[in-house]
PDB file of N, CA and C in Angstrom:
ATOM      1  N   LEU A   1       7.612  14.027  -1.778  1.00  0.00           N
ATOM      2  CA  LEU A   1       7.041  13.200  -2.817  1.00  0.00           C
ATOM      3  C   LEU A   1       6.678  14.025  -4.043  1.00  0.00           C
ATOM      4  N   LYS A   2       6.132  15.198  -3.821  1.00  0.00           N
ATOM      5  CA  LYS A   2       5.692  16.016  -4.948  1.00  0.00           C
ATOM      6  C   LYS A   2       6.862  16.360  -5.861  1.00  0.00           C
ATOM      7  N   LYS A   3       8.017  16.723  -5.271  1.00  0.00           N
ATOM      8  CA  LYS A   3       9.165  17.088  -6.112  1.00  0.00           C
ATOM      9  C   LYS A   3       9.743  15.884  -6.845  1.00  0.00           C
ATOM     10  N   ASP A   4       9.475  14.659  -6.372  1.00  0.00           N
ATOM     11  CA  ASP A   4       9.934  13.442  -7.050  1.00  0.00           C
ATOM     12  C   ASP A   4       8.899  12.896  -8.020  1.00  0.00           C
ATOM     13  N   GLY A   5       7.894  13.689  -8.339  1.00  0.00           N
ATOM     14  CA  GLY A   5       6.857  13.229  -9.259  1.00  0.00           C
ATOM     15  C   GLY A   5       5.946  12.186  -8.632  1.00  0.00           C
ATOM     16  N   TRP A   6       5.780  12.245  -7.299  1.00  0.00           N
ATOM     17  CA  TRP A   6       4.931  11.336  -6.531  1.00  0.00           C
ATOM     18  C   TRP A   6       5.409   9.892  -6.633  1.00  0.00           C
ATOM     19  N   LYS A   7       6.699   9.678  -6.856  1.00  0.00           N
ATOM     20  CA  LYS A   7       7.254   8.324  -6.921  1.00  0.00           C
ATOM     21  C   LYS A   7       7.931   8.012  -5.597  1.00  0.00           C
ATOM     22  N   ILE A   8       7.623   6.868  -5.046  1.00  0.00           N
ATOM     23  CA  ILE A   8       8.202   6.426  -3.786  1.00  0.00           C
ATOM     24  C   ILE A   8       9.331   5.465  -4.113  1.00  0.00           C
ATOM     25  N   SER A   9      10.526   5.777  -3.638  1.00  0.00           N
ATOM     26  CA  SER A   9      11.682   4.947  -3.971  1.00  0.00           C
ATOM     27  C   SER A   9      11.857   3.769  -3.014  1.00  0.00           C
ATOM     28  N   TYR A  10      11.054   3.677  -1.972  1.00  0.00           N
ATOM     29  CA  TYR A  10      11.210   2.610  -0.987  1.00  0.00           C
ATOM     30  C   TYR A  10      10.712   1.263  -1.485  1.00  0.00           C
ATOM     31  N   PHE A  11       9.866   1.255  -2.505  1.00  0.00           N
ATOM     32  CA  PHE A  11       9.204   0.031  -2.928  1.00  0.00           C
ATOM     33  C   PHE A  11       9.520  -0.310  -4.366  1.00  0.00           C
ATOM     34  N   ALA A  12       9.583  -1.598  -4.653  1.00  0.00           N
ATOM     35  CA  ALA A  12       9.705  -2.057  -6.035  1.00  0.00           C
ATOM     36  C   ALA A  12       8.359  -1.866  -6.721  1.00  0.00           C
ATOM     37  N   ARG A  13       8.380  -1.350  -7.918  1.00  0.00           N
ATOM     38  CA  ARG A  13       7.148  -1.137  -8.679  1.00  0.00           C
ATOM     39  C   ARG A  13       7.088  -2.186  -9.778  1.00  0.00           C
ATOM     40  N   TYR A  14       6.576  -3.354  -9.444  1.00  0.00           N
ATOM     41  CA  TYR A  14       6.533  -4.462 -10.387  1.00  0.00           C
ATOM     42  C   TYR A  14       5.627  -4.162 -11.575  1.00  0.00           C
ATOM     43  N   GLN A  15       4.603  -3.354 -11.375  1.00  0.00           N
ATOM     44  CA  GLN A  15       3.683  -3.055 -12.467  1.00  0.00           C
ATOM     45  C   GLN A  15       4.373  -2.275 -13.585  1.00  0.00           C
ATOM     46  N   ASP A  16       5.466  -1.578 -13.292  1.00  0.00           N
ATOM     47  CA  ASP A  16       6.167  -0.819 -14.325  1.00  0.00           C
ATOM     48  C   ASP A  16       6.815  -1.730 -15.363  1.00  0.00           C
ATOM     49  N   ASP A  17       7.102  -2.975 -15.002  1.00  0.00           N
ATOM     50  CA  ASP A  17       7.702  -3.919 -15.944  1.00  0.00           C
ATOM     51  C   ASP A  17       6.734  -4.326 -17.041  1.00  0.00           C
ATOM     52  N   PHE A  18       5.453  -4.142 -16.821  1.00  0.00           N
ATOM     53  CA  PHE A  18       4.452  -4.604 -17.775  1.00  0.00           C
ATOM     54  C   PHE A  18       3.897  -3.492 -18.662  1.00  0.00           C
ATOM     55  N   VAL A  19       4.456  -2.296 -18.591  1.00  0.00           N
ATOM     56  CA  VAL A  19       3.923  -1.164 -19.354  1.00  0.00           C
ATOM     57  C   VAL A  19       3.951  -1.452 -20.850  1.00  0.00           C
ATOM     58  N   THR A  20       5.073  -1.948 -21.378  1.00  0.00           N
ATOM     59  CA  THR A  20       5.152  -2.211 -22.822  1.00  0.00           C
ATOM     60  C   THR A  20       4.229  -3.354 -23.220  1.00  0.00           C
ATOM     61  N   ILE A  21       4.089  -4.349 -22.377  1.00  0.00           N
ATOM     62  CA  ILE A  21       3.185  -5.463 -22.678  1.00  0.00           C
ATOM     63  C   ILE A  21       1.743  -4.966 -22.718  1.00  0.00           C
ATOM     64  N   LEU A  22       1.378  -4.119 -21.768  1.00  0.00           N
ATOM     65  CA  LEU A  22       0.012  -3.602 -21.722  1.00  0.00           C
ATOM     66  C   LEU A  22      -0.304  -2.693 -22.909  1.00  0.00           C
ATOM     67  N   ARG A  23       0.694  -1.966 -23.399  1.00  0.00           N
ATOM     68  CA  ARG A  23       0.458  -1.084 -24.553  1.00  0.00           C
ATOM     69  C   ARG A  23       0.139  -1.876 -25.814  1.00  0.00           C
ATOM     70  N   THR A  24       0.727  -3.066 -25.957  1.00  0.00           N
ATOM     71  CA  THR A  24       0.515  -3.867 -27.167  1.00  0.00           C
ATOM     72  C   THR A  24      -0.549  -4.938 -26.978  1.00  0.00           C
ATOM     73  N   ALA A  25      -1.077  -5.079 -25.784  1.00  0.00           N
ATOM     74  CA  ALA A  25      -2.058  -6.131 -25.508  1.00  0.00           C
ATOM     75  C   ALA A  25      -3.403  -5.814 -26.149  1.00  0.00           C
ATOM     76  N   THR A  26      -4.100  -6.860 -26.531  1.00  0.00           N
ATOM     77  CA  THR A  26      -5.438  -6.710 -27.094  1.00  0.00           C
ATOM     78  C   THR A  26      -6.452  -6.762 -25.960  1.00  0.00           C
ATOM     79  N   PRO A  27      -7.260  -5.712 -25.819  1.00  0.00           N
ATOM     80  CA  PRO A  27      -8.260  -5.758 -24.751  1.00  0.00           C
ATOM     81  C   PRO A  27      -9.348  -6.778 -25.080  1.00  0.00           C
ATOM     82  N   HIS A  28      -9.855  -7.434 -24.089  1.00  0.00           N
ATOM     83  CA  HIS A  28     -10.943  -8.382 -24.308  1.00  0.00           C
ATOM     84  C   HIS A  28     -12.213  -7.842 -23.663  1.00  0.00           C
ATOM     85  N   LYS A  29     -13.321  -8.298 -24.174  1.00  0.00           N
ATOM     86  CA  LYS A  29     -14.616  -7.804 -23.697  1.00  0.00           C
ATOM     87  C   LYS A  29     -14.984  -8.486 -22.389  1.00  0.00           C
ATOM     88  N   LEU A  30     -15.474  -7.693 -21.488  1.00  0.00           N
ATOM     89  CA  LEU A  30     -15.923  -8.205 -20.198  1.00  0.00           C
ATOM     90  C   LEU A  30     -17.441  -8.134 -20.147  1.00  0.00           C
ATOM     91  N   PRO A  31     -18.060  -9.057 -19.423  1.00  0.00           N
ATOM     92  CA  PRO A  31     -19.516  -8.977 -19.289  1.00  0.00           C
ATOM     93  C   PRO A  31     -19.898  -7.732 -18.494  1.00  0.00           C
ATOM     94  N   PRO A  32     -21.105  -7.240 -18.681  1.00  0.00           N
ATOM     95  CA  PRO A  32     -21.525  -6.056 -17.924  1.00  0.00           C
ATOM     96  C   PRO A  32     -21.489  -6.328 -16.418  1.00  0.00           C
ATOM     97  N   PHE A  33     -21.144  -5.307 -15.677  1.00  0.00           N
ATOM     98  CA  PHE A  33     -21.043  -5.418 -14.222  1.00  0.00           C
ATOM     99  C   PHE A  33     -22.156  -4.607 -13.583  1.00  0.00           C
ATOM    100  N   THR A  34     -22.912  -5.248 -12.717  1.00  0.00           N
ATOM    101  CA  THR A  34     -23.968  -4.565 -11.980  1.00  0.00           C
ATOM    102  C   THR A  34     -23.604  -4.593 -10.499  1.00  0.00           C
ATOM    103  N   PRO A  35     -23.410  -3.424  -9.889  1.00  0.00           N
ATOM    104  CA  PRO A  35     -23.067  -3.417  -8.469  1.00  0.00           C
ATOM    105  C   PRO A  35     -24.232  -3.913  -7.621  1.00  0.00           C
ATOM    106  N   CYS A  36     -23.905  -4.376  -6.437  1.00  0.00           N
ATOM    107  CA  CYS A  36     -24.917  -4.876  -5.509  1.00  0.00           C
ATOM    108  C   CYS A  36     -25.878  -3.754  -5.121  1.00  0.00           C
ATOM    109  N   VAL A  37     -27.106  -4.137  -4.900  1.00  0.00           N
ATOM    110  CA  VAL A  37     -28.115  -3.183  -4.449  1.00  0.00           C
ATOM    111  C   VAL A  37     -27.870  -2.909  -2.967  1.00  0.00           C
ATOM    112  N   PHE A  38     -27.957  -1.639  -2.586  1.00  0.00           N
ATOM    113  CA  PHE A  38     -27.737  -1.276  -1.195  1.00  0.00           C
ATOM    114  C   PHE A  38     -28.892  -1.774  -0.344  1.00  0.00           C
ATOM    115  N   LYS A  39     -28.548  -2.496   0.719  1.00  0.00           N
ATOM    116  CA  LYS A  39     -29.550  -2.953   1.685  1.00  0.00           C
ATOM    117  C   LYS A  39     -29.150  -2.418   3.047  1.00  0.00           C
ATOM    118  N   ASN A  40     -30.117  -1.962   3.768  1.00  0.00           N
ATOM    119  CA  ASN A  40     -29.823  -1.455   5.092  1.00  0.00           C
ATOM    120  C   ASN A  40     -30.274  -2.484   6.112  1.00  0.00           C
ATOM    121  N   PRO A  41     -29.549  -2.958   7.051  1.00  0.00           N
ATOM    122  CA  PRO A  41     -28.158  -2.634   7.324  1.00  0.00           C
ATOM    123  C   PRO A  41     -27.206  -3.533   6.511  1.00  0.00           C
ATOM    124  N   SER A  42     -26.282  -2.940   5.846  1.00  0.00           N
ATOM    125  CA  SER A  42     -25.247  -3.671   5.118  1.00  0.00           C
ATOM    126  C   SER A  42     -24.069  -3.908   6.044  1.00  0.00           C
ATOM    127  N   LYS A  43     -23.328  -4.971   5.789  1.00  0.00           N
ATOM    128  CA  LYS A  43     -22.141  -5.255   6.590  1.00  0.00           C
ATOM    129  C   LYS A  43     -20.918  -4.737   5.845  1.00  0.00           C
ATOM    130  N   TYR A  44     -20.201  -3.859   6.477  1.00  0.00           N
ATOM    131  CA  TYR A  44     -18.987  -3.300   5.911  1.00  0.00           C
ATOM    132  C   TYR A  44     -17.804  -3.779   6.745  1.00  0.00           C
ATOM    133  N   PRO A  45     -16.619  -3.836   6.144  1.00  0.00           N
ATOM    134  CA  PRO A  45     -15.455  -4.266   6.927  1.00  0.00           C
ATOM    135  C   PRO A  45     -15.186  -3.314   8.090  1.00  0.00           C
ATOM    136  N   SER A  46     -14.716  -3.881   9.169  1.00  0.00           N
ATOM    137  CA  SER A  46     -14.372  -3.061  10.334  1.00  0.00           C
ATOM    138  C   SER A  46     -13.170  -2.189  10.015  1.00  0.00           C
ATOM    139  N   PRO A  47     -13.061  -1.047  10.657  1.00  0.00           N
ATOM    140  CA  PRO A  47     -11.874  -0.217  10.452  1.00  0.00           C
ATOM    141  C   PRO A  47     -10.626  -0.957  10.914  1.00  0.00           C
ATOM    142  N   LYS A  48      -9.518  -0.712  10.236  1.00  0.00           N
ATOM    143  CA  LYS A  48      -8.256  -1.357  10.582  1.00  0.00           C
ATOM    144  C   LYS A  48      -7.450  -0.428  11.484  1.00  0.00           C
ATOM    145  N   VAL A  49      -6.896  -0.976  12.529  1.00  0.00           N
ATOM    146  CA  VAL A  49      -6.066  -0.201  13.437  1.00  0.00           C
ATOM    147  C   VAL A  49      -4.689  -0.056  12.812  1.00  0.00           C
ATOM    148  N   VAL A  50      -4.206   1.174  12.730  1.00  0.00           N
ATOM    149  CA  VAL A  50      -2.869   1.429  12.204  1.00  0.00           C
ATOM    150  C   VAL A  50      -1.937   1.560  13.393  1.00  0.00           C
ATOM    151  N   PHE A  51      -0.847   0.810  13.389  1.00  0.00           N
ATOM    152  CA  PHE A  51       0.124   0.894  14.461  1.00  0.00           C
ATOM    153  C   PHE A  51       1.514   0.998  13.863  1.00  0.00           C
ATOM    154  N   ARG A  52       2.442   1.429  14.652  1.00  0.00           N
ATOM    155  CA  ARG A  52       3.808   1.619  14.187  1.00  0.00           C
ATOM    156  C   ARG A  52       4.689   0.479  14.682  1.00  0.00           C
ATOM    157  N   ILE A  53       5.460  -0.109  13.758  1.00  0.00           N
ATOM    158  CA  ILE A  53       6.337  -1.227  14.102  1.00  0.00           C
ATOM    159  C   ILE A  53       7.610  -0.727  14.774  1.00  0.00           C
ATOM    160  N   TYR A  54       8.136   0.379  14.302  1.00  0.00           N
ATOM    161  CA  TYR A  54       9.416   0.852  14.795  1.00  0.00           C
ATOM    162  C   TYR A  54       9.387   2.361  14.952  1.00  0.00           C
ATOM    163  N   GLY A  55      10.341   2.857  15.716  1.00  0.00           N
ATOM    164  CA  GLY A  55      10.465   4.294  15.925  1.00  0.00           C
ATOM    165  C   GLY A  55      11.917   4.703  15.803  1.00  0.00           C
ATOM    166  N   LYS A  56      12.167   5.986  15.906  1.00  0.00           N
ATOM    167  CA  LYS A  56      13.538   6.482  15.763  1.00  0.00           C
ATOM    168  C   LYS A  56      14.451   5.944  16.861  1.00  0.00           C
ATOM    169  N   GLU A  57      13.880   5.580  17.991  1.00  0.00           N
ATOM    170  CA  GLU A  57      14.699   5.027  19.077  1.00  0.00           C
ATOM    171  C   GLU A  57      15.217   3.624  18.747  1.00  0.00           C
ATOM    172  N   ASN A  58      14.646   2.969  17.725  1.00  0.00           N
ATOM    173  CA  ASN A  58      15.088   1.638  17.322  1.00  0.00           C
ATOM    174  C   ASN A  58      16.265   1.657  16.353  1.00  0.00           C
ATOM    175  N   LEU A  59      16.691   2.821  15.903  1.00  0.00           N
ATOM    176  CA  LEU A  59      17.800   2.912  14.955  1.00  0.00           C
ATOM    177  C   LEU A  59      19.116   2.652  15.668  1.00  0.00           C
ATOM    178  N   LEU A  60      19.985   1.884  15.020  1.00  0.00           N
ATOM    179  CA  LEU A  60      21.272   1.562  15.627  1.00  0.00           C
ATOM    180  C   LEU A  60      22.273   2.703  15.474  1.00  0.00           C
ATOM    181  N   ALA A  61      22.268   3.346  14.332  1.00  0.00           N
ATOM    182  CA  ALA A  61      23.204   4.438  14.083  1.00  0.00           C
ATOM    183  C   ALA A  61      22.443   5.762  14.017  1.00  0.00           C
ATOM    184  N   LYS A  62      23.080   6.813  14.479  1.00  0.00           N
ATOM    185  CA  LYS A  62      22.432   8.128  14.494  1.00  0.00           C
ATOM    186  C   LYS A  62      22.232   8.683  13.086  1.00  0.00           C
ATOM    187  N   ASN A  63      23.038   8.227  12.117  1.00  0.00           N
ATOM    188  CA  ASN A  63      22.911   8.767  10.766  1.00  0.00           C
ATOM    189  C   ASN A  63      21.871   8.030   9.928  1.00  0.00           C
ATOM    190  N   MET A  64      21.225   7.001  10.487  1.00  0.00           N
ATOM    191  CA  MET A  64      20.166   6.304   9.755  1.00  0.00           C
ATOM    192  C   MET A  64      18.931   7.196   9.727  1.00  0.00           C
ATOM    193  N   ASN A  65      18.194   7.124   8.630  1.00  0.00           N
ATOM    194  CA  ASN A  65      17.055   8.017   8.470  1.00  0.00           C
ATOM    195  C   ASN A  65      15.786   7.216   8.218  1.00  0.00           C
ATOM    196  N   LEU A  66      14.718   7.593   8.874  1.00  0.00           N
ATOM    197  CA  LEU A  66      13.396   7.017   8.647  1.00  0.00           C
ATOM    198  C   LEU A  66      12.448   8.126   8.238  1.00  0.00           C
ATOM    199  N   PRO A  67      11.423   7.790   7.463  1.00  0.00           N
ATOM    200  CA  PRO A  67      10.391   8.793   7.191  1.00  0.00           C
ATOM    201  C   PRO A  67       9.695   9.183   8.497  1.00  0.00           C
ATOM    202  N   ASP A  68       9.161  10.391   8.549  1.00  0.00           N
ATOM    203  CA  ASP A  68       8.448  10.852   9.743  1.00  0.00           C
ATOM    204  C   ASP A  68       7.277   9.930  10.061  1.00  0.00           C
ATOM    205  N   CYS A  69       6.907   9.848  11.339  1.00  0.00           N
ATOM    206  CA  CYS A  69       5.835   8.953  11.785  1.00  0.00           C
ATOM    207  C   CYS A  69       4.516   9.200  11.067  1.00  0.00           C
ATOM    208  N   GLU A  70       4.216  10.444  10.753  1.00  0.00           N
ATOM    209  CA  GLU A  70       2.936  10.769  10.137  1.00  0.00           C
ATOM    210  C   GLU A  70       2.986  10.767   8.610  1.00  0.00           C
ATOM    211  N   SER A  71       4.113  10.395   8.012  1.00  0.00           N
ATOM    212  CA  SER A  71       4.232  10.482   6.552  1.00  0.00           C
ATOM    213  C   SER A  71       3.644   9.253   5.869  1.00  0.00           C
ATOM    214  N   ILE A  72       3.199   9.444   4.636  1.00  0.00           N
ATOM    215  CA  ILE A  72       2.624   8.346   3.866  1.00  0.00           C
ATOM    216  C   ILE A  72       3.694   7.311   3.531  1.00  0.00           C
ATOM    217  N   GLU A  73       4.937   7.748   3.345  1.00  0.00           N
ATOM    218  CA  GLU A  73       6.012   6.790   3.064  1.00  0.00           C
ATOM    219  C   GLU A  73       6.166   5.804   4.210  1.00  0.00           C
ATOM    220  N   ARG A  74       6.116   6.314   5.443  1.00  0.00           N
ATOM    221  CA  ARG A  74       6.267   5.460   6.618  1.00  0.00           C
ATOM    222  C   ARG A  74       5.112   4.469   6.695  1.00  0.00           C
ATOM    223  N   PHE A  75       3.890   4.942   6.470  1.00  0.00           N
ATOM    224  CA  PHE A  75       2.726   4.069   6.496  1.00  0.00           C
ATOM    225  C   PHE A  75       2.852   2.983   5.431  1.00  0.00           C
ATOM    226  N   LEU A  76       3.232   3.359   4.211  1.00  0.00           N
ATOM    227  CA  LEU A  76       3.357   2.386   3.129  1.00  0.00           C
ATOM    228  C   LEU A  76       4.470   1.386   3.392  1.00  0.00           C
ATOM    229  N   LEU A  77       5.570   1.857   3.955  1.00  0.00           N
ATOM    230  CA  LEU A  77       6.681   0.966   4.273  1.00  0.00           C
ATOM    231  C   LEU A  77       6.260  -0.072   5.304  1.00  0.00           C
ATOM    232  N   GLU A  78       5.589   0.359   6.357  1.00  0.00           N
ATOM    233  CA  GLU A  78       5.131  -0.576   7.382  1.00  0.00           C
ATOM    234  C   GLU A  78       4.068  -1.514   6.833  1.00  0.00           C
ATOM    235  N   GLN A  79       3.198  -1.002   5.978  1.00  0.00           N
ATOM    236  CA  GLN A  79       2.162  -1.836   5.376  1.00  0.00           C
ATOM    237  C   GLN A  79       2.798  -2.923   4.510  1.00  0.00           C
ATOM    238  N   ASP A  80       3.904  -2.594   3.863  1.00  0.00           N
ATOM    239  CA  ASP A  80       4.615  -3.555   3.034  1.00  0.00           C
ATOM    240  C   ASP A  80       5.371  -4.573   3.894  1.00  0.00           C
ATOM    241  N   LEU A  81       5.845  -4.160   5.067  1.00  0.00           N
ATOM    242  CA  LEU A  81       6.629  -5.042   5.934  1.00  0.00           C
ATOM    243  C   LEU A  81       5.777  -5.986   6.777  1.00  0.00           C
ATOM    244  N   CYS A  82       4.562  -5.606   7.119  1.00  0.00           N
ATOM    245  CA  CYS A  82       3.719  -6.425   8.000  1.00  0.00           C
ATOM    246  C   CYS A  82       3.566  -7.865   7.514  1.00  0.00           C
ATOM    247  N   PRO A  83       3.254  -8.113   6.235  1.00  0.00           N
ATOM    248  CA  PRO A  83       3.133  -9.506   5.791  1.00  0.00           C
ATOM    249  C   PRO A  83       4.449 -10.278   5.910  1.00  0.00           C
ATOM    250  N   SER A  84       5.574  -9.593   5.764  1.00  0.00           N
ATOM    251  CA  SER A  84       6.875 -10.256   5.870  1.00  0.00           C
ATOM    252  C   SER A  84       7.123 -10.791   7.271  1.00  0.00           C
ATOM    253  N   PHE A  85       6.590 -10.111   8.271  1.00  0.00           N
ATOM    254  CA  PHE A  85       6.776 -10.535   9.650  1.00  0.00           C
ATOM    255  C   PHE A  85       5.642 -11.418  10.149  1.00  0.00           C
ATOM    256  N   GLY A  86       4.703 -11.736   9.284  1.00  0.00           N
ATOM    257  CA  GLY A  86       3.588 -12.585   9.686  1.00  0.00           C
ATOM    258  C   GLY A  86       2.554 -11.863  10.512  1.00  0.00           C
ATOM    259  N   ILE A  87       2.524 -10.542  10.435  1.00  0.00           N
ATOM    260  CA  ILE A  87       1.535  -9.768  11.176  1.00  0.00           C
ATOM    261  C   ILE A  87       0.285  -9.692  10.317  1.00  0.00           C
ATOM    262  N   ILE A  88      -0.787 -10.303  10.785  1.00  0.00           N
ATOM    263  CA  ILE A  88      -2.037 -10.347  10.027  1.00  0.00           C
ATOM    264  C   ILE A  88      -3.065  -9.508  10.765  1.00  0.00           C
ATOM    265  N   PRO A  89      -3.696  -8.545  10.067  1.00  0.00           N
ATOM    266  CA  PRO A  89      -4.709  -7.732  10.751  1.00  0.00           C
ATOM    267  C   PRO A  89      -5.892  -8.583  11.200  1.00  0.00           C
ATOM    268  N   GLN A  90      -6.381  -8.321  12.383  1.00  0.00           N
ATOM    269  CA  GLN A  90      -7.543  -9.034  12.912  1.00  0.00           C
ATOM    270  C   GLN A  90      -8.804  -8.484  12.281  1.00  0.00           C
ATOM    271  N   THR A  91      -9.717  -9.359  11.867  1.00  0.00           N
ATOM    272  CA  THR A  91     -10.979  -8.899  11.284  1.00  0.00           C
ATOM    273  C   THR A  91     -12.134  -9.251  12.183  1.00  0.00           C
TER     274      THR A  91
END
């Protein structure tokens, strides 16, 4: 990733289409934002279990390539695919 300028080629980057629009856009004023006051005990979201959908044994051809199991590309790819398969994390 570092040699590619930290760009991941596996995903469409829809936000890149709006760069010229954002450069010419007029910013608008937002009301002041005050974060919530910390109260103990606060409720925080539960940790999400990360699991792997596929492995190298699932490849049909030997010349097919997947990112390594521990790589960020693999995690991002699976994170992008989960909604497509209707896999919803339990909360």
